[in-house]
Full PDB file with SEQRES, HELIX, SHEET, SSBOND, CRYST1, ORIGX, SCALE, CONECT and MASTER records, all heavy atoms in Angstrom:
SEQRES   1 A   38  VAL TRP LEU GLU ASP THR LEU LYS LEU PHE ASN VAL PRO          
SEQRES   2 A   38  ILE ASP ASP TYR ILE PRO PHE CYS GLU TYR PHE VAL ILE          
SEQRES   3 A   38  PRO TYR LEU LEU TRP PHE PRO PHE VAL GLY TRP GLY              
HELIX    1 AA1 TRP A    2  THR A    6  1                                   5    
HELIX    2 AA2 PRO A   13  TYR A   17  5                                   5    
HELIX    3 AA3 GLU A   22  PHE A   24  5                                   3    
HELIX    4 AA4 VAL A   25  TRP A   37  1                                  13    
CRYST1    1.000    1.000    1.000  90.00  90.00  90.00 P 1           1          
ORIGX1      1.000000  0.000000  0.000000        0.00000                         
ORIGX2      0.000000  1.000000  0.000000        0.00000                         
ORIGX3      0.000000  0.000000  1.000000        0.00000                         
SCALE1      1.000000  0.000000  0.000000        0.00000                         
SCALE2      0.000000  1.000000  0.000000        0.00000                         
SCALE3      0.000000  0.000000  1.000000        0.00000                         
ATOM      1  N   VAL A   1     -17.798   4.773 -16.398  1.00  0.00           N  
ATOM      2  CA  VAL A   1     -18.417   5.932 -15.758  1.00  0.00           C  
ATOM      3  C   VAL A   1     -18.860   5.571 -14.340  1.00  0.00           C  
ATOM      4  O   VAL A   1     -18.627   6.326 -13.383  1.00  0.00           O  
ATOM      5  CB  VAL A   1     -19.624   6.427 -16.578  1.00  0.00           C  
ATOM      6  CG1 VAL A   1     -20.386   7.503 -15.802  1.00  0.00           C  
ATOM      7  CG2 VAL A   1     -19.157   6.974 -17.921  1.00  0.00           C  
ATOM      8  N   TRP A   2     -19.493   4.398 -14.203  1.00  0.00           N  
ATOM      9  CA  TRP A   2     -19.937   3.958 -12.887  1.00  0.00           C  
ATOM     10  C   TRP A   2     -18.756   3.783 -11.943  1.00  0.00           C  
ATOM     11  O   TRP A   2     -18.798   4.189 -10.769  1.00  0.00           O  
ATOM     12  CB  TRP A   2     -20.690   2.631 -13.019  1.00  0.00           C  
ATOM     13  CG  TRP A   2     -21.036   2.010 -11.692  1.00  0.00           C  
ATOM     14  CD1 TRP A   2     -22.097   2.310 -10.892  1.00  0.00           C  
ATOM     15  CD2 TRP A   2     -20.291   1.001 -10.991  1.00  0.00           C  
ATOM     16  NE1 TRP A   2     -22.066   1.559  -9.747  1.00  0.00           N  
ATOM     17  CE2 TRP A   2     -20.974   0.741  -9.780  1.00  0.00           C  
ATOM     18  CE3 TRP A   2     -19.123   0.294 -11.279  1.00  0.00           C  
ATOM     19  CZ2 TRP A   2     -20.520  -0.196  -8.859  1.00  0.00           C  
ATOM     20  CZ3 TRP A   2     -18.665  -0.640 -10.362  1.00  0.00           C  
ATOM     21  CH2 TRP A   2     -19.355  -0.878  -9.164  1.00  0.00           C  
ATOM     22  N   LEU A   3     -17.682   3.182 -12.432  1.00  0.00           N  
ATOM     23  CA  LEU A   3     -16.506   2.919 -11.614  1.00  0.00           C  
ATOM     24  C   LEU A   3     -15.871   4.210 -11.134  1.00  0.00           C  
ATOM     25  O   LEU A   3     -15.534   4.351  -9.952  1.00  0.00           O  
ATOM     26  CB  LEU A   3     -15.494   2.097 -12.419  1.00  0.00           C  
ATOM     27  CG  LEU A   3     -14.247   1.608 -11.672  1.00  0.00           C  
ATOM     28  CD1 LEU A   3     -14.650   0.681 -10.541  1.00  0.00           C  
ATOM     29  CD2 LEU A   3     -13.301   0.909 -12.626  1.00  0.00           C  
ATOM     30  N   GLU A   4     -15.721   5.165 -12.036  1.00  0.00           N  
ATOM     31  CA  GLU A   4     -15.102   6.426 -11.667  1.00  0.00           C  
ATOM     32  C   GLU A   4     -15.965   7.219 -10.690  1.00  0.00           C  
ATOM     33  O   GLU A   4     -15.454   7.914  -9.812  1.00  0.00           O  
ATOM     34  CB  GLU A   4     -14.826   7.255 -12.928  1.00  0.00           C  
ATOM     35  CG  GLU A   4     -13.738   6.660 -13.810  1.00  0.00           C  
ATOM     36  CD  GLU A   4     -13.565   7.428 -15.104  1.00  0.00           C  
ATOM     37  OE1 GLU A   4     -14.210   8.485 -15.258  1.00  0.00           O  
ATOM     38  OE2 GLU A   4     -12.783   6.986 -15.961  1.00  0.00           O  
ATOM     39  N   ASP A   5     -17.295   7.114 -10.855  1.00  0.00           N  
ATOM     40  CA  ASP A   5     -18.194   7.812  -9.943  1.00  0.00           C  
ATOM     41  C   ASP A   5     -18.220   7.160  -8.567  1.00  0.00           C  
ATOM     42  O   ASP A   5     -18.466   7.821  -7.556  1.00  0.00           O  
ATOM     43  CB  ASP A   5     -19.623   7.831 -10.504  1.00  0.00           C  
ATOM     44  CG  ASP A   5     -19.753   8.770 -11.683  1.00  0.00           C  
ATOM     45  OD1 ASP A   5     -18.869   9.621 -11.857  1.00  0.00           O  
ATOM     46  OD2 ASP A   5     -20.742   8.628 -12.441  1.00  0.00           O  
ATOM     47  N   THR A   6     -17.998   5.856  -8.524  1.00  0.00           N  
ATOM     48  CA  THR A   6     -18.090   5.110  -7.272  1.00  0.00           C  
ATOM     49  C   THR A   6     -16.826   5.196  -6.438  1.00  0.00           C  
ATOM     50  O   THR A   6     -16.871   5.345  -5.223  1.00  0.00           O  
ATOM     51  CB  THR A   6     -18.402   3.629  -7.554  1.00  0.00           C  
ATOM     52  OG1 THR A   6     -19.594   3.545  -8.327  1.00  0.00           O  
ATOM     53  CG2 THR A   6     -18.583   2.851  -6.257  1.00  0.00           C  
ATOM     54  N   LEU A   7     -15.696   5.097  -7.089  1.00  0.00           N  
ATOM     55  CA  LEU A   7     -14.428   5.029  -6.364  1.00  0.00           C  
ATOM     56  C   LEU A   7     -13.332   5.754  -7.126  1.00  0.00           C  
ATOM     57  O   LEU A   7     -13.119   5.512  -8.305  1.00  0.00           O  
ATOM     58  CB  LEU A   7     -14.026   3.560  -6.168  1.00  0.00           C  
ATOM     59  CG  LEU A   7     -12.793   3.269  -5.343  1.00  0.00           C  
ATOM     60  CD1 LEU A   7     -13.024   3.669  -3.890  1.00  0.00           C  
ATOM     61  CD2 LEU A   7     -12.436   1.798  -5.420  1.00  0.00           C  
ATOM     62  N   LYS A   8     -12.647   6.649  -6.448  1.00  0.00           N  
ATOM     63  CA  LYS A   8     -11.528   7.351  -7.062  1.00  0.00           C  
ATOM     64  C   LYS A   8     -10.279   6.488  -6.911  1.00  0.00           C  
ATOM     65  O   LYS A   8      -9.916   6.111  -5.796  1.00  0.00           O  
ATOM     66  CB  LYS A   8     -11.300   8.699  -6.391  1.00  0.00           C  
ATOM     67  CG  LYS A   8     -12.268   9.783  -6.826  1.00  0.00           C  
ATOM     68  CD  LYS A   8     -13.666   9.576  -6.291  1.00  0.00           C  
ATOM     69  CE  LYS A   8     -14.598  10.710  -6.695  1.00  0.00           C  
ATOM     70  NZ  LYS A   8     -15.963  10.493  -6.183  1.00  0.00           N  
ATOM     71  N   LEU A   9      -9.628   6.190  -8.008  1.00  0.00           N  
ATOM     72  CA  LEU A   9      -8.462   5.300  -7.985  1.00  0.00           C  
ATOM     73  C   LEU A   9      -7.177   6.108  -8.082  1.00  0.00           C  
ATOM     74  O   LEU A   9      -7.089   7.051  -8.843  1.00  0.00           O  
ATOM     75  CB  LEU A   9      -8.540   4.307  -9.136  1.00  0.00           C  
ATOM     76  CG  LEU A   9      -9.839   3.489  -9.203  1.00  0.00           C  
ATOM     77  CD1 LEU A   9      -9.812   2.595 -10.430  1.00  0.00           C  
ATOM     78  CD2 LEU A   9      -9.998   2.658  -7.956  1.00  0.00           C  
ATOM     79  N   PHE A  10      -6.172   5.682  -7.320  1.00  0.00           N  
ATOM     80  CA  PHE A  10      -4.911   6.398  -7.326  1.00  0.00           C  
ATOM     81  C   PHE A  10      -3.754   5.518  -7.796  1.00  0.00           C  
ATOM     82  O   PHE A  10      -2.612   5.736  -7.432  1.00  0.00           O  
ATOM     83  CB  PHE A  10      -4.613   6.956  -5.926  1.00  0.00           C  
ATOM     84  CG  PHE A  10      -5.515   8.083  -5.543  1.00  0.00           C  
ATOM     85  CD1 PHE A  10      -6.463   7.921  -4.553  1.00  0.00           C  
ATOM     86  CD2 PHE A  10      -5.429   9.296  -6.188  1.00  0.00           C  
ATOM     87  CE1 PHE A  10      -7.303   8.962  -4.195  1.00  0.00           C  
ATOM     88  CE2 PHE A  10      -6.263  10.350  -5.843  1.00  0.00           C  
ATOM     89  CZ  PHE A  10      -7.200  10.181  -4.847  1.00  0.00           C  
ATOM     90  N   ASN A  11      -4.061   4.524  -8.594  1.00  0.00           N  
ATOM     91  CA  ASN A  11      -2.994   3.717  -9.185  1.00  0.00           C  
ATOM     92  C   ASN A  11      -2.248   4.563 -10.214  1.00  0.00           C  
ATOM     93  O   ASN A  11      -2.864   5.290 -10.989  1.00  0.00           O  
ATOM     94  CB  ASN A  11      -3.563   2.490  -9.890  1.00  0.00           C  
ATOM     95  CG  ASN A  11      -4.254   1.544  -8.926  1.00  0.00           C  
ATOM     96  OD1 ASN A  11      -4.557   1.913  -7.808  1.00  0.00           O  
ATOM     97  ND2 ASN A  11      -4.515   0.339  -9.376  1.00  0.00           N  
ATOM     98  N   VAL A  12      -0.935   4.469 -10.226  1.00  0.00           N  
ATOM     99  CA  VAL A  12      -0.120   5.178 -11.208  1.00  0.00           C  
ATOM    100  C   VAL A  12       0.746   4.148 -11.938  1.00  0.00           C  
ATOM    101  O   VAL A  12       0.991   3.046 -11.423  1.00  0.00           O  
ATOM    102  CB  VAL A  12       0.762   6.245 -10.535  1.00  0.00           C  
ATOM    103  CG1 VAL A  12      -0.103   7.387  -9.991  1.00  0.00           C  
ATOM    104  CG2 VAL A  12       1.600   5.651  -9.408  1.00  0.00           C  
ATOM    105  N   PRO A  13       1.194   4.460 -13.155  1.00  0.00           N  
ATOM    106  CA  PRO A  13       1.948   3.480 -13.959  1.00  0.00           C  
ATOM    107  C   PRO A  13       3.124   2.826 -13.245  1.00  0.00           C  
ATOM    108  O   PRO A  13       3.391   1.635 -13.439  1.00  0.00           O  
ATOM    109  CB  PRO A  13       2.423   4.318 -15.149  1.00  0.00           C  
ATOM    110  CG  PRO A  13       1.366   5.357 -15.306  1.00  0.00           C  
ATOM    111  CD  PRO A  13       0.952   5.703 -13.892  1.00  0.00           C  
ATOM    112  N   ILE A  14       3.824   3.571 -12.394  1.00  0.00           N  
ATOM    113  CA  ILE A  14       5.010   3.009 -11.731  1.00  0.00           C  
ATOM    114  C   ILE A  14       4.638   1.848 -10.810  1.00  0.00           C  
ATOM    115  O   ILE A  14       5.465   0.968 -10.540  1.00  0.00           O  
ATOM    116  CB  ILE A  14       5.760   4.103 -10.931  1.00  0.00           C  
ATOM    117  CG1 ILE A  14       7.156   3.601 -10.535  1.00  0.00           C  
ATOM    118  CG2 ILE A  14       4.964   4.536  -9.719  1.00  0.00           C  
ATOM    119  CD1 ILE A  14       8.023   4.671  -9.906  1.00  0.00           C  
ATOM    120  N   ASP A  15       3.384   1.797 -10.352  1.00  0.00           N  
ATOM    121  CA  ASP A  15       2.946   0.700  -9.479  1.00  0.00           C  
ATOM    122  C   ASP A  15       3.063  -0.653 -10.170  1.00  0.00           C  
ATOM    123  O   ASP A  15       3.306  -1.674  -9.517  1.00  0.00           O  
ATOM    124  CB  ASP A  15       1.496   0.908  -9.042  1.00  0.00           C  
ATOM    125  CG  ASP A  15       1.334   2.089  -8.099  1.00  0.00           C  
ATOM    126  OD1 ASP A  15       2.235   2.298  -7.266  1.00  0.00           O  
ATOM    127  OD2 ASP A  15       0.322   2.796  -8.205  1.00  0.00           O  
ATOM    128  N   ASP A  16       2.896  -0.666 -11.494  1.00  0.00           N  
ATOM    129  CA  ASP A  16       2.972  -1.921 -12.251  1.00  0.00           C  
ATOM    130  C   ASP A  16       4.383  -2.489 -12.296  1.00  0.00           C  
ATOM    131  O   ASP A  16       4.572  -3.670 -12.587  1.00  0.00           O  
ATOM    132  CB  ASP A  16       2.465  -1.702 -13.687  1.00  0.00           C  
ATOM    133  CG  ASP A  16       0.993  -1.318 -13.720  1.00  0.00           C  
ATOM    134  OD1 ASP A  16       0.257  -1.732 -12.808  1.00  0.00           O  
ATOM    135  OD2 ASP A  16       0.590  -0.600 -14.652  1.00  0.00           O  
ATOM    136  N   TYR A  17       5.375  -1.653 -12.020  1.00  0.00           N  
ATOM    137  CA  TYR A  17       6.773  -2.090 -12.059  1.00  0.00           C  
ATOM    138  C   TYR A  17       7.319  -2.444 -10.680  1.00  0.00           C  
ATOM    139  O   TYR A  17       8.470  -2.862 -10.560  1.00  0.00           O  
ATOM    140  CB  TYR A  17       7.645  -0.994 -12.691  1.00  0.00           C  
ATOM    141  CG  TYR A  17       7.295  -0.716 -14.134  1.00  0.00           C  
ATOM    142  CD1 TYR A  17       6.417   0.315 -14.472  1.00  0.00           C  
ATOM    143  CD2 TYR A  17       7.824  -1.496 -15.169  1.00  0.00           C  
ATOM    144  CE1 TYR A  17       6.082   0.570 -15.798  1.00  0.00           C  
ATOM    145  CE2 TYR A  17       7.497  -1.258 -16.490  1.00  0.00           C  
ATOM    146  CZ  TYR A  17       6.622  -0.221 -16.793  1.00  0.00           C  
ATOM    147  OH  TYR A  17       6.291   0.010 -18.109  1.00  0.00           O  
ATOM    148  N   ILE A  18       6.512  -2.248  -9.661  1.00  0.00           N  
ATOM    149  CA  ILE A  18       6.933  -2.595  -8.299  1.00  0.00           C  
ATOM    150  C   ILE A  18       6.447  -4.011  -8.007  1.00  0.00           C  
ATOM    151  O   ILE A  18       5.240  -4.252  -7.950  1.00  0.00           O  
ATOM    152  CB  ILE A  18       6.342  -1.612  -7.265  1.00  0.00           C  
ATOM    153  CG1 ILE A  18       6.813  -0.196  -7.558  1.00  0.00           C  
ATOM    154  CG2 ILE A  18       6.755  -2.037  -5.848  1.00  0.00           C  
ATOM    155  CD1 ILE A  18       6.179   0.858  -6.661  1.00  0.00           C  
ATOM    156  N   PRO A  19       7.348  -4.968  -7.831  1.00  0.00           N  
ATOM    157  CA  PRO A  19       6.928  -6.365  -7.625  1.00  0.00           C  
ATOM    158  C   PRO A  19       6.354  -6.599  -6.235  1.00  0.00           C  
ATOM    159  O   PRO A  19       6.656  -5.860  -5.287  1.00  0.00           O  
ATOM    160  CB  PRO A  19       8.236  -7.145  -7.811  1.00  0.00           C  
ATOM    161  CG  PRO A  19       9.290  -6.181  -7.353  1.00  0.00           C  
ATOM    162  CD  PRO A  19       8.816  -4.831  -7.813  1.00  0.00           C  
ATOM    163  N   PHE A  20       5.519  -7.602  -6.138  1.00  0.00           N  
ATOM    164  CA  PHE A  20       5.013  -8.003  -4.824  1.00  0.00           C  
ATOM    165  C   PHE A  20       6.091  -8.800  -4.112  1.00  0.00           C  
ATOM    166  O   PHE A  20       6.696  -9.711  -4.681  1.00  0.00           O  
ATOM    167  CB  PHE A  20       3.757  -8.862  -4.976  1.00  0.00           C  
ATOM    168  CG  PHE A  20       3.296  -9.473  -3.679  1.00  0.00           C  
ATOM    169  CD1 PHE A  20       2.570  -8.731  -2.769  1.00  0.00           C  
ATOM    170  CD2 PHE A  20       3.619 -10.794  -3.370  1.00  0.00           C  
ATOM    171  CE1 PHE A  20       2.149  -9.286  -1.564  1.00  0.00           C  
ATOM    172  CE2 PHE A  20       3.205 -11.354  -2.170  1.00  0.00           C  
ATOM    173  CZ  PHE A  20       2.470 -10.600  -1.266  1.00  0.00           C  
ATOM    174  N   CYS A  21       6.346  -8.469  -2.855  1.00  0.00           N  
ATOM    175  CA  CYS A  21       7.336  -9.199  -2.051  1.00  0.00           C  
ATOM    176  C   CYS A  21       6.784  -9.366  -0.647  1.00  0.00           C  
ATOM    177  O   CYS A  21       6.717  -8.396   0.127  1.00  0.00           O  
ATOM    178  CB  CYS A  21       8.672  -8.453  -2.020  1.00  0.00           C  
ATOM    179  SG  CYS A  21       9.946  -9.317  -1.071  1.00  0.00           S  
ATOM    180  N   GLU A  22       6.367 -10.584  -0.333  1.00  0.00           N  
ATOM    181  CA  GLU A  22       5.667 -10.817   0.929  1.00  0.00           C  
ATOM    182  C   GLU A  22       6.519 -10.567   2.164  1.00  0.00           C  
ATOM    183  O   GLU A  22       5.993 -10.296   3.248  1.00  0.00           O  
ATOM    184  CB  GLU A  22       5.131 -12.255   0.972  1.00  0.00           C  
ATOM    185  CG  GLU A  22       6.176 -13.352   1.142  1.00  0.00           C  
ATOM    186  CD  GLU A  22       6.716 -13.861  -0.189  1.00  0.00           C  
ATOM    187  OE1 GLU A  22       6.564 -13.139  -1.193  1.00  0.00           O  
ATOM    188  OE2 GLU A  22       7.273 -14.978  -0.216  1.00  0.00           O  
ATOM    189  N   TYR A  23       7.850 -10.614   2.017  1.00  0.00           N  
ATOM    190  CA  TYR A  23       8.719 -10.456   3.189  1.00  0.00           C  
ATOM    191  C   TYR A  23       8.637  -9.054   3.792  1.00  0.00           C  
ATOM    192  O   TYR A  23       8.970  -8.849   4.964  1.00  0.00           O  
ATOM    193  CB  TYR A  23      10.158 -10.807   2.817  1.00  0.00           C  
ATOM    194  CG  TYR A  23      10.295 -12.219   2.303  1.00  0.00           C  
ATOM    195  CD1 TYR A  23      10.567 -12.476   0.961  1.00  0.00           C  
ATOM    196  CD2 TYR A  23      10.101 -13.304   3.163  1.00  0.00           C  
ATOM    197  CE1 TYR A  23      10.650 -13.777   0.478  1.00  0.00           C  
ATOM    198  CE2 TYR A  23      10.190 -14.606   2.695  1.00  0.00           C  
ATOM    199  CZ  TYR A  23      10.464 -14.834   1.358  1.00  0.00           C  
ATOM    200  OH  TYR A  23      10.543 -16.122   0.886  1.00  0.00           O  
ATOM    201  N   PHE A  24       8.193  -8.104   2.999  1.00  0.00           N  
ATOM    202  CA  PHE A  24       8.061  -6.742   3.508  1.00  0.00           C  
ATOM    203  C   PHE A  24       6.885  -6.597   4.467  1.00  0.00           C  
ATOM    204  O   PHE A  24       6.717  -5.535   5.074  1.00  0.00           O  
ATOM    205  CB  PHE A  24       7.919  -5.753   2.346  1.00  0.00           C  
ATOM    206  CG  PHE A  24       9.230  -5.289   1.783  1.00  0.00           C  
ATOM    207  CD1 PHE A  24       9.787  -5.920   0.692  1.00  0.00           C  
ATOM    208  CD2 PHE A  24       9.916  -4.231   2.365  1.00  0.00           C  
ATOM    209  CE1 PHE A  24      11.004  -5.504   0.169  1.00  0.00           C  
ATOM    210  CE2 PHE A  24      11.130  -3.805   1.860  1.00  0.00           C  
ATOM    211  CZ  PHE A  24      11.680  -4.435   0.756  1.00  0.00           C  
ATOM    212  N   VAL A  25       6.080  -7.657   4.622  1.00  0.00           N  
ATOM    213  CA  VAL A  25       4.985  -7.578   5.587  1.00  0.00           C  
ATOM    214  C   VAL A  25       5.542  -7.455   7.014  1.00  0.00           C  
ATOM    215  O   VAL A  25       4.874  -6.930   7.900  1.00  0.00           O  
ATOM    216  CB  VAL A  25       4.058  -8.813   5.470  1.00  0.00           C  
ATOM    217  CG1 VAL A  25       4.730 -10.062   6.031  1.00  0.00           C  
ATOM    218  CG2 VAL A  25       2.723  -8.558   6.175  1.00  0.00           C  
ATOM    219  N   ILE A  26       6.776  -7.920   7.213  1.00  0.00           N  
ATOM    220  CA  ILE A  26       7.382  -7.855   8.552  1.00  0.00           C  
ATOM    221  C   ILE A  26       7.622  -6.409   8.981  1.00  0.00           C  
ATOM    222  O   ILE A  26       7.142  -5.987  10.044  1.00  0.00           O  
ATOM    223  CB  ILE A  26       8.671  -8.688   8.600  1.00  0.00           C  
ATOM    224  CG1 ILE A  26       8.331 -10.169   8.389  1.00  0.00           C  
ATOM    225  CG2 ILE A  26       9.393  -8.490   9.940  1.00  0.00           C  
ATOM    226  CD1 ILE A  26       9.535 -11.082   8.293  1.00  0.00           C  
ATOM    227  N   PRO A  27       8.355  -5.594   8.187  1.00  0.00           N  
ATOM    228  CA  PRO A  27       8.481  -4.192   8.606  1.00  0.00           C  
ATOM    229  C   PRO A  27       7.144  -3.451   8.598  1.00  0.00           C  
ATOM    230  O   PRO A  27       6.940  -2.532   9.394  1.00  0.00           O  
ATOM    231  CB  PRO A  27       9.456  -3.587   7.584  1.00  0.00           C  
ATOM    232  CG  PRO A  27       9.436  -4.520   6.420  1.00  0.00           C  
ATOM    233  CD  PRO A  27       9.193  -5.875   7.014  1.00  0.00           C  
ATOM    234  N   TYR A  28       6.233  -3.872   7.718  1.00  0.00           N  
ATOM    235  CA  TYR A  28       4.917  -3.227   7.685  1.00  0.00           C  
ATOM    236  C   TYR A  28       4.207  -3.401   9.028  1.00  0.00           C  
ATOM    237  O   TYR A  28       3.640  -2.450   9.574  1.00  0.00           O  
ATOM    238  CB  TYR A  28       4.066  -3.829   6.574  1.00  0.00           C  
ATOM    239  CG  TYR A  28       2.739  -3.121   6.375  1.00  0.00           C  
ATOM    240  CD1 TYR A  28       2.636  -2.026   5.528  1.00  0.00           C  
ATOM    241  CD2 TYR A  28       1.599  -3.553   7.054  1.00  0.00           C  
ATOM    242  CE1 TYR A  28       1.419  -1.365   5.356  1.00  0.00           C  
ATOM    243  CE2 TYR A  28       0.382  -2.893   6.892  1.00  0.00           C  
ATOM    244  CZ  TYR A  28       0.301  -1.809   6.038  1.00  0.00           C  
ATOM    245  OH  TYR A  28      -0.906  -1.163   5.881  1.00  0.00           O  
ATOM    246  N   LEU A  29       4.256  -4.598   9.588  1.00  0.00           N  
ATOM    247  CA  LEU A  29       3.612  -4.865  10.873  1.00  0.00           C  
ATOM    248  C   LEU A  29       4.399  -4.270  12.043  1.00  0.00           C  
ATOM    249  O   LEU A  29       3.815  -3.959  13.091  1.00  0.00           O  
ATOM    250  CB  LEU A  29       3.438  -6.373  11.069  1.00  0.00           C  
ATOM    251  CG  LEU A  29       2.482  -7.058  10.083  1.00  0.00           C  
ATOM    252  CD1 LEU A  29       2.464  -8.566  10.319  1.00  0.00           C  
ATOM    253  CD2 LEU A  29       1.066  -6.484  10.209  1.00  0.00           C  
ATOM    254  N   LEU A  30       5.710  -4.101  11.861  1.00  0.00           N  
ATOM    255  CA  LEU A  30       6.517  -3.486  12.916  1.00  0.00           C  
ATOM    256  C   LEU A  30       6.173  -2.012  13.102  1.00  0.00           C  
ATOM    257  O   LEU A  30       6.571  -1.399  14.106  1.00  0.00           O  
ATOM    258  CB  LEU A  30       8.013  -3.630  12.591  1.00  0.00           C  
ATOM    259  CG  LEU A  30       8.614  -5.029  12.782  1.00  0.00           C  
ATOM    260  CD1 LEU A  30      10.066  -5.039  12.323  1.00  0.00           C  
ATOM    261  CD2 LEU A  30       8.513  -5.460  14.240  1.00  0.00           C  
ATOM    262  N   TRP A  31       5.440  -1.455  12.147  1.00  0.00           N  
ATOM    263  CA  TRP A  31       5.004  -0.062  12.249  1.00  0.00           C  
ATOM    264  C   TRP A  31       4.222   0.183  13.541  1.00  0.00           C  
ATOM    265  O   TRP A  31       4.391   1.221  14.188  1.00  0.00           O  
ATOM    266  CB  TRP A  31       4.130   0.272  11.039  1.00  0.00           C  
ATOM    267  CG  TRP A  31       3.503   1.628  11.056  1.00  0.00           C  
ATOM    268  CD1 TRP A  31       4.069   2.806  10.664  1.00  0.00           C  
ATOM    269  CD2 TRP A  31       2.158   1.956  11.466  1.00  0.00           C  
ATOM    270  NE1 TRP A  31       3.168   3.848  10.792  1.00  0.00           N  
ATOM    271  CE2 TRP A  31       1.986   3.341  11.291  1.00  0.00           C  
ATOM    272  CE3 TRP A  31       1.097   1.192  11.954  1.00  0.00           C  
ATOM    273  CZ2 TRP A  31       0.789   3.989  11.587  1.00  0.00           C  
ATOM    274  CZ3 TRP A  31      -0.095   1.837  12.252  1.00  0.00           C  
ATOM    275  CH2 TRP A  31      -0.248   3.216  12.064  1.00  0.00           C  
ATOM    276  N   PHE A  32       3.403  -0.775  13.948  1.00  0.00           N  
ATOM    277  CA  PHE A  32       2.560  -0.590  15.123  1.00  0.00           C  
ATOM    278  C   PHE A  32       3.382  -0.405  16.399  1.00  0.00           C  
ATOM    279  O   PHE A  32       3.187   0.585  17.118  1.00  0.00           O  
ATOM    280  CB  PHE A  32       1.574  -1.759  15.253  1.00  0.00           C  
ATOM    281  CG  PHE A  32       0.606  -1.835  14.097  1.00  0.00           C  
ATOM    282  CD1 PHE A  32       0.851  -2.668  13.013  1.00  0.00           C  
ATOM    283  CD2 PHE A  32      -0.540  -1.058  14.093  1.00  0.00           C  
ATOM    284  CE1 PHE A  32      -0.039  -2.731  11.947  1.00  0.00           C  
ATOM    285  CE2 PHE A  32      -1.438  -1.111  13.028  1.00  0.00           C  
ATOM    286  CZ  PHE A  32      -1.183  -1.949  11.950  1.00  0.00           C  
ATOM    287  N   PRO A  33       4.317  -1.316  16.727  1.00  0.00           N  
ATOM    288  CA  PRO A  33       5.133  -1.078  17.922  1.00  0.00           C  
ATOM    289  C   PRO A  33       6.097   0.095  17.742  1.00  0.00           C  
ATOM    290  O   PRO A  33       6.449   0.768  18.720  1.00  0.00           O  
ATOM    291  CB  PRO A  33       5.894  -2.398  18.112  1.00  0.00           C  
ATOM    292  CG  PRO A  33       5.877  -3.050  16.774  1.00  0.00           C  
ATOM    293  CD  PRO A  33       4.579  -2.661  16.156  1.00  0.00           C  
ATOM    294  N   PHE A  34       6.509   0.358  16.499  1.00  0.00           N  
ATOM    295  CA  PHE A  34       7.436   1.463  16.222  1.00  0.00           C  
ATOM    296  C   PHE A  34       6.800   2.797  16.599  1.00  0.00           C  
ATOM    297  O   PHE A  34       7.396   3.615  17.311  1.00  0.00           O  
ATOM    298  CB  PHE A  34       7.809   1.436  14.742  1.00  0.00           C  
ATOM    299  CG  PHE A  34       8.715   2.558  14.299  1.00  0.00           C  
ATOM    300  CD1 PHE A  34       9.909   2.805  14.958  1.00  0.00           C  
ATOM    301  CD2 PHE A  34       8.366   3.349  13.209  1.00  0.00           C  
ATOM    302  CE1 PHE A  34      10.759   3.831  14.536  1.00  0.00           C  
ATOM    303  CE2 PHE A  34       9.203   4.365  12.782  1.00  0.00           C  
ATOM    304  CZ  PHE A  34      10.402   4.616  13.439  1.00  0.00           C  
ATOM    305  N   VAL A  35       5.581   3.018  16.151  1.00  0.00           N  
ATOM    306  CA  VAL A  35       4.880   4.266  16.466  1.00  0.00           C  
ATOM    307  C   VAL A  35       4.570   4.336  17.964  1.00  0.00           C  
ATOM    308  O   VAL A  35       4.737   5.393  18.596  1.00  0.00           O  
ATOM    309  CB  VAL A  35       3.576   4.383  15.641  1.00  0.00           C  
ATOM    310  CG1 VAL A  35       2.753   5.588  16.098  1.00  0.00           C  
ATOM    311  CG2 VAL A  35       3.898   4.514  14.157  1.00  0.00           C  
ATOM    312  N   GLY A  36       4.160   3.207  18.532  1.00  0.00           N  
ATOM    313  CA  GLY A  36       3.878   3.177  19.963  1.00  0.00           C  
ATOM    314  C   GLY A  36       5.100   3.503  20.788  1.00  0.00           C  
ATOM    315  O   GLY A  36       5.020   4.257  21.776  1.00  0.00           O  
ATOM    316  N   TRP A  37       6.247   2.943  20.394  1.00  0.00           N  
ATOM    317  CA  TRP A  37       7.505   3.217  21.109  1.00  0.00           C  
ATOM    318  C   TRP A  37       7.860   4.691  21.022  1.00  0.00           C  
ATOM    319  O   TRP A  37       8.244   5.317  22.020  1.00  0.00           O  
ATOM    320  CB  TRP A  37       8.639   2.381  20.510  1.00  0.00           C  
ATOM    321  CG  TRP A  37       9.992   2.858  20.947  1.00  0.00           C  
ATOM    322  CD1 TRP A  37      10.603   2.610  22.144  1.00  0.00           C  
ATOM    323  CD2 TRP A  37      10.888   3.708  20.204  1.00  0.00           C  
ATOM    324  NE1 TRP A  37      11.827   3.243  22.193  1.00  0.00           N  
ATOM    325  CE2 TRP A  37      12.029   3.914  21.015  1.00  0.00           C  
ATOM    326  CE3 TRP A  37      10.841   4.295  18.938  1.00  0.00           C  
ATOM    327  CZ2 TRP A  37      13.086   4.705  20.598  1.00  0.00           C  
ATOM    328  CZ3 TRP A  37      11.891   5.077  18.516  1.00  0.00           C  
ATOM    329  CH2 TRP A  37      13.015   5.282  19.338  1.00  0.00           C  
ATOM    330  N   GLY A  38       7.732   5.275  19.831  1.00  0.00           N  
ATOM    331  CA  GLY A  38       8.092   6.681  19.652  1.00  0.00           C  
ATOM    332  C   GLY A  38       7.251   7.595  20.522  1.00  0.00           C  
ATOM    333  O   GLY A  38       7.778   8.510  21.186  1.00  0.00           O  
TER     334      GLY A  38                                                      
MASTER        0    0    0    4    0    0    0    6  333    1    0    3          
END                                                                             
């Protein structure tokens, strides 16, 4: 009850099937110059 009142969580079941892959941090960080360029 305390947790739900404090923070609304948006985790969904499909998130558990998406593996962590650190290499995607590169395109994630490229977002900044990408938006700036646009």
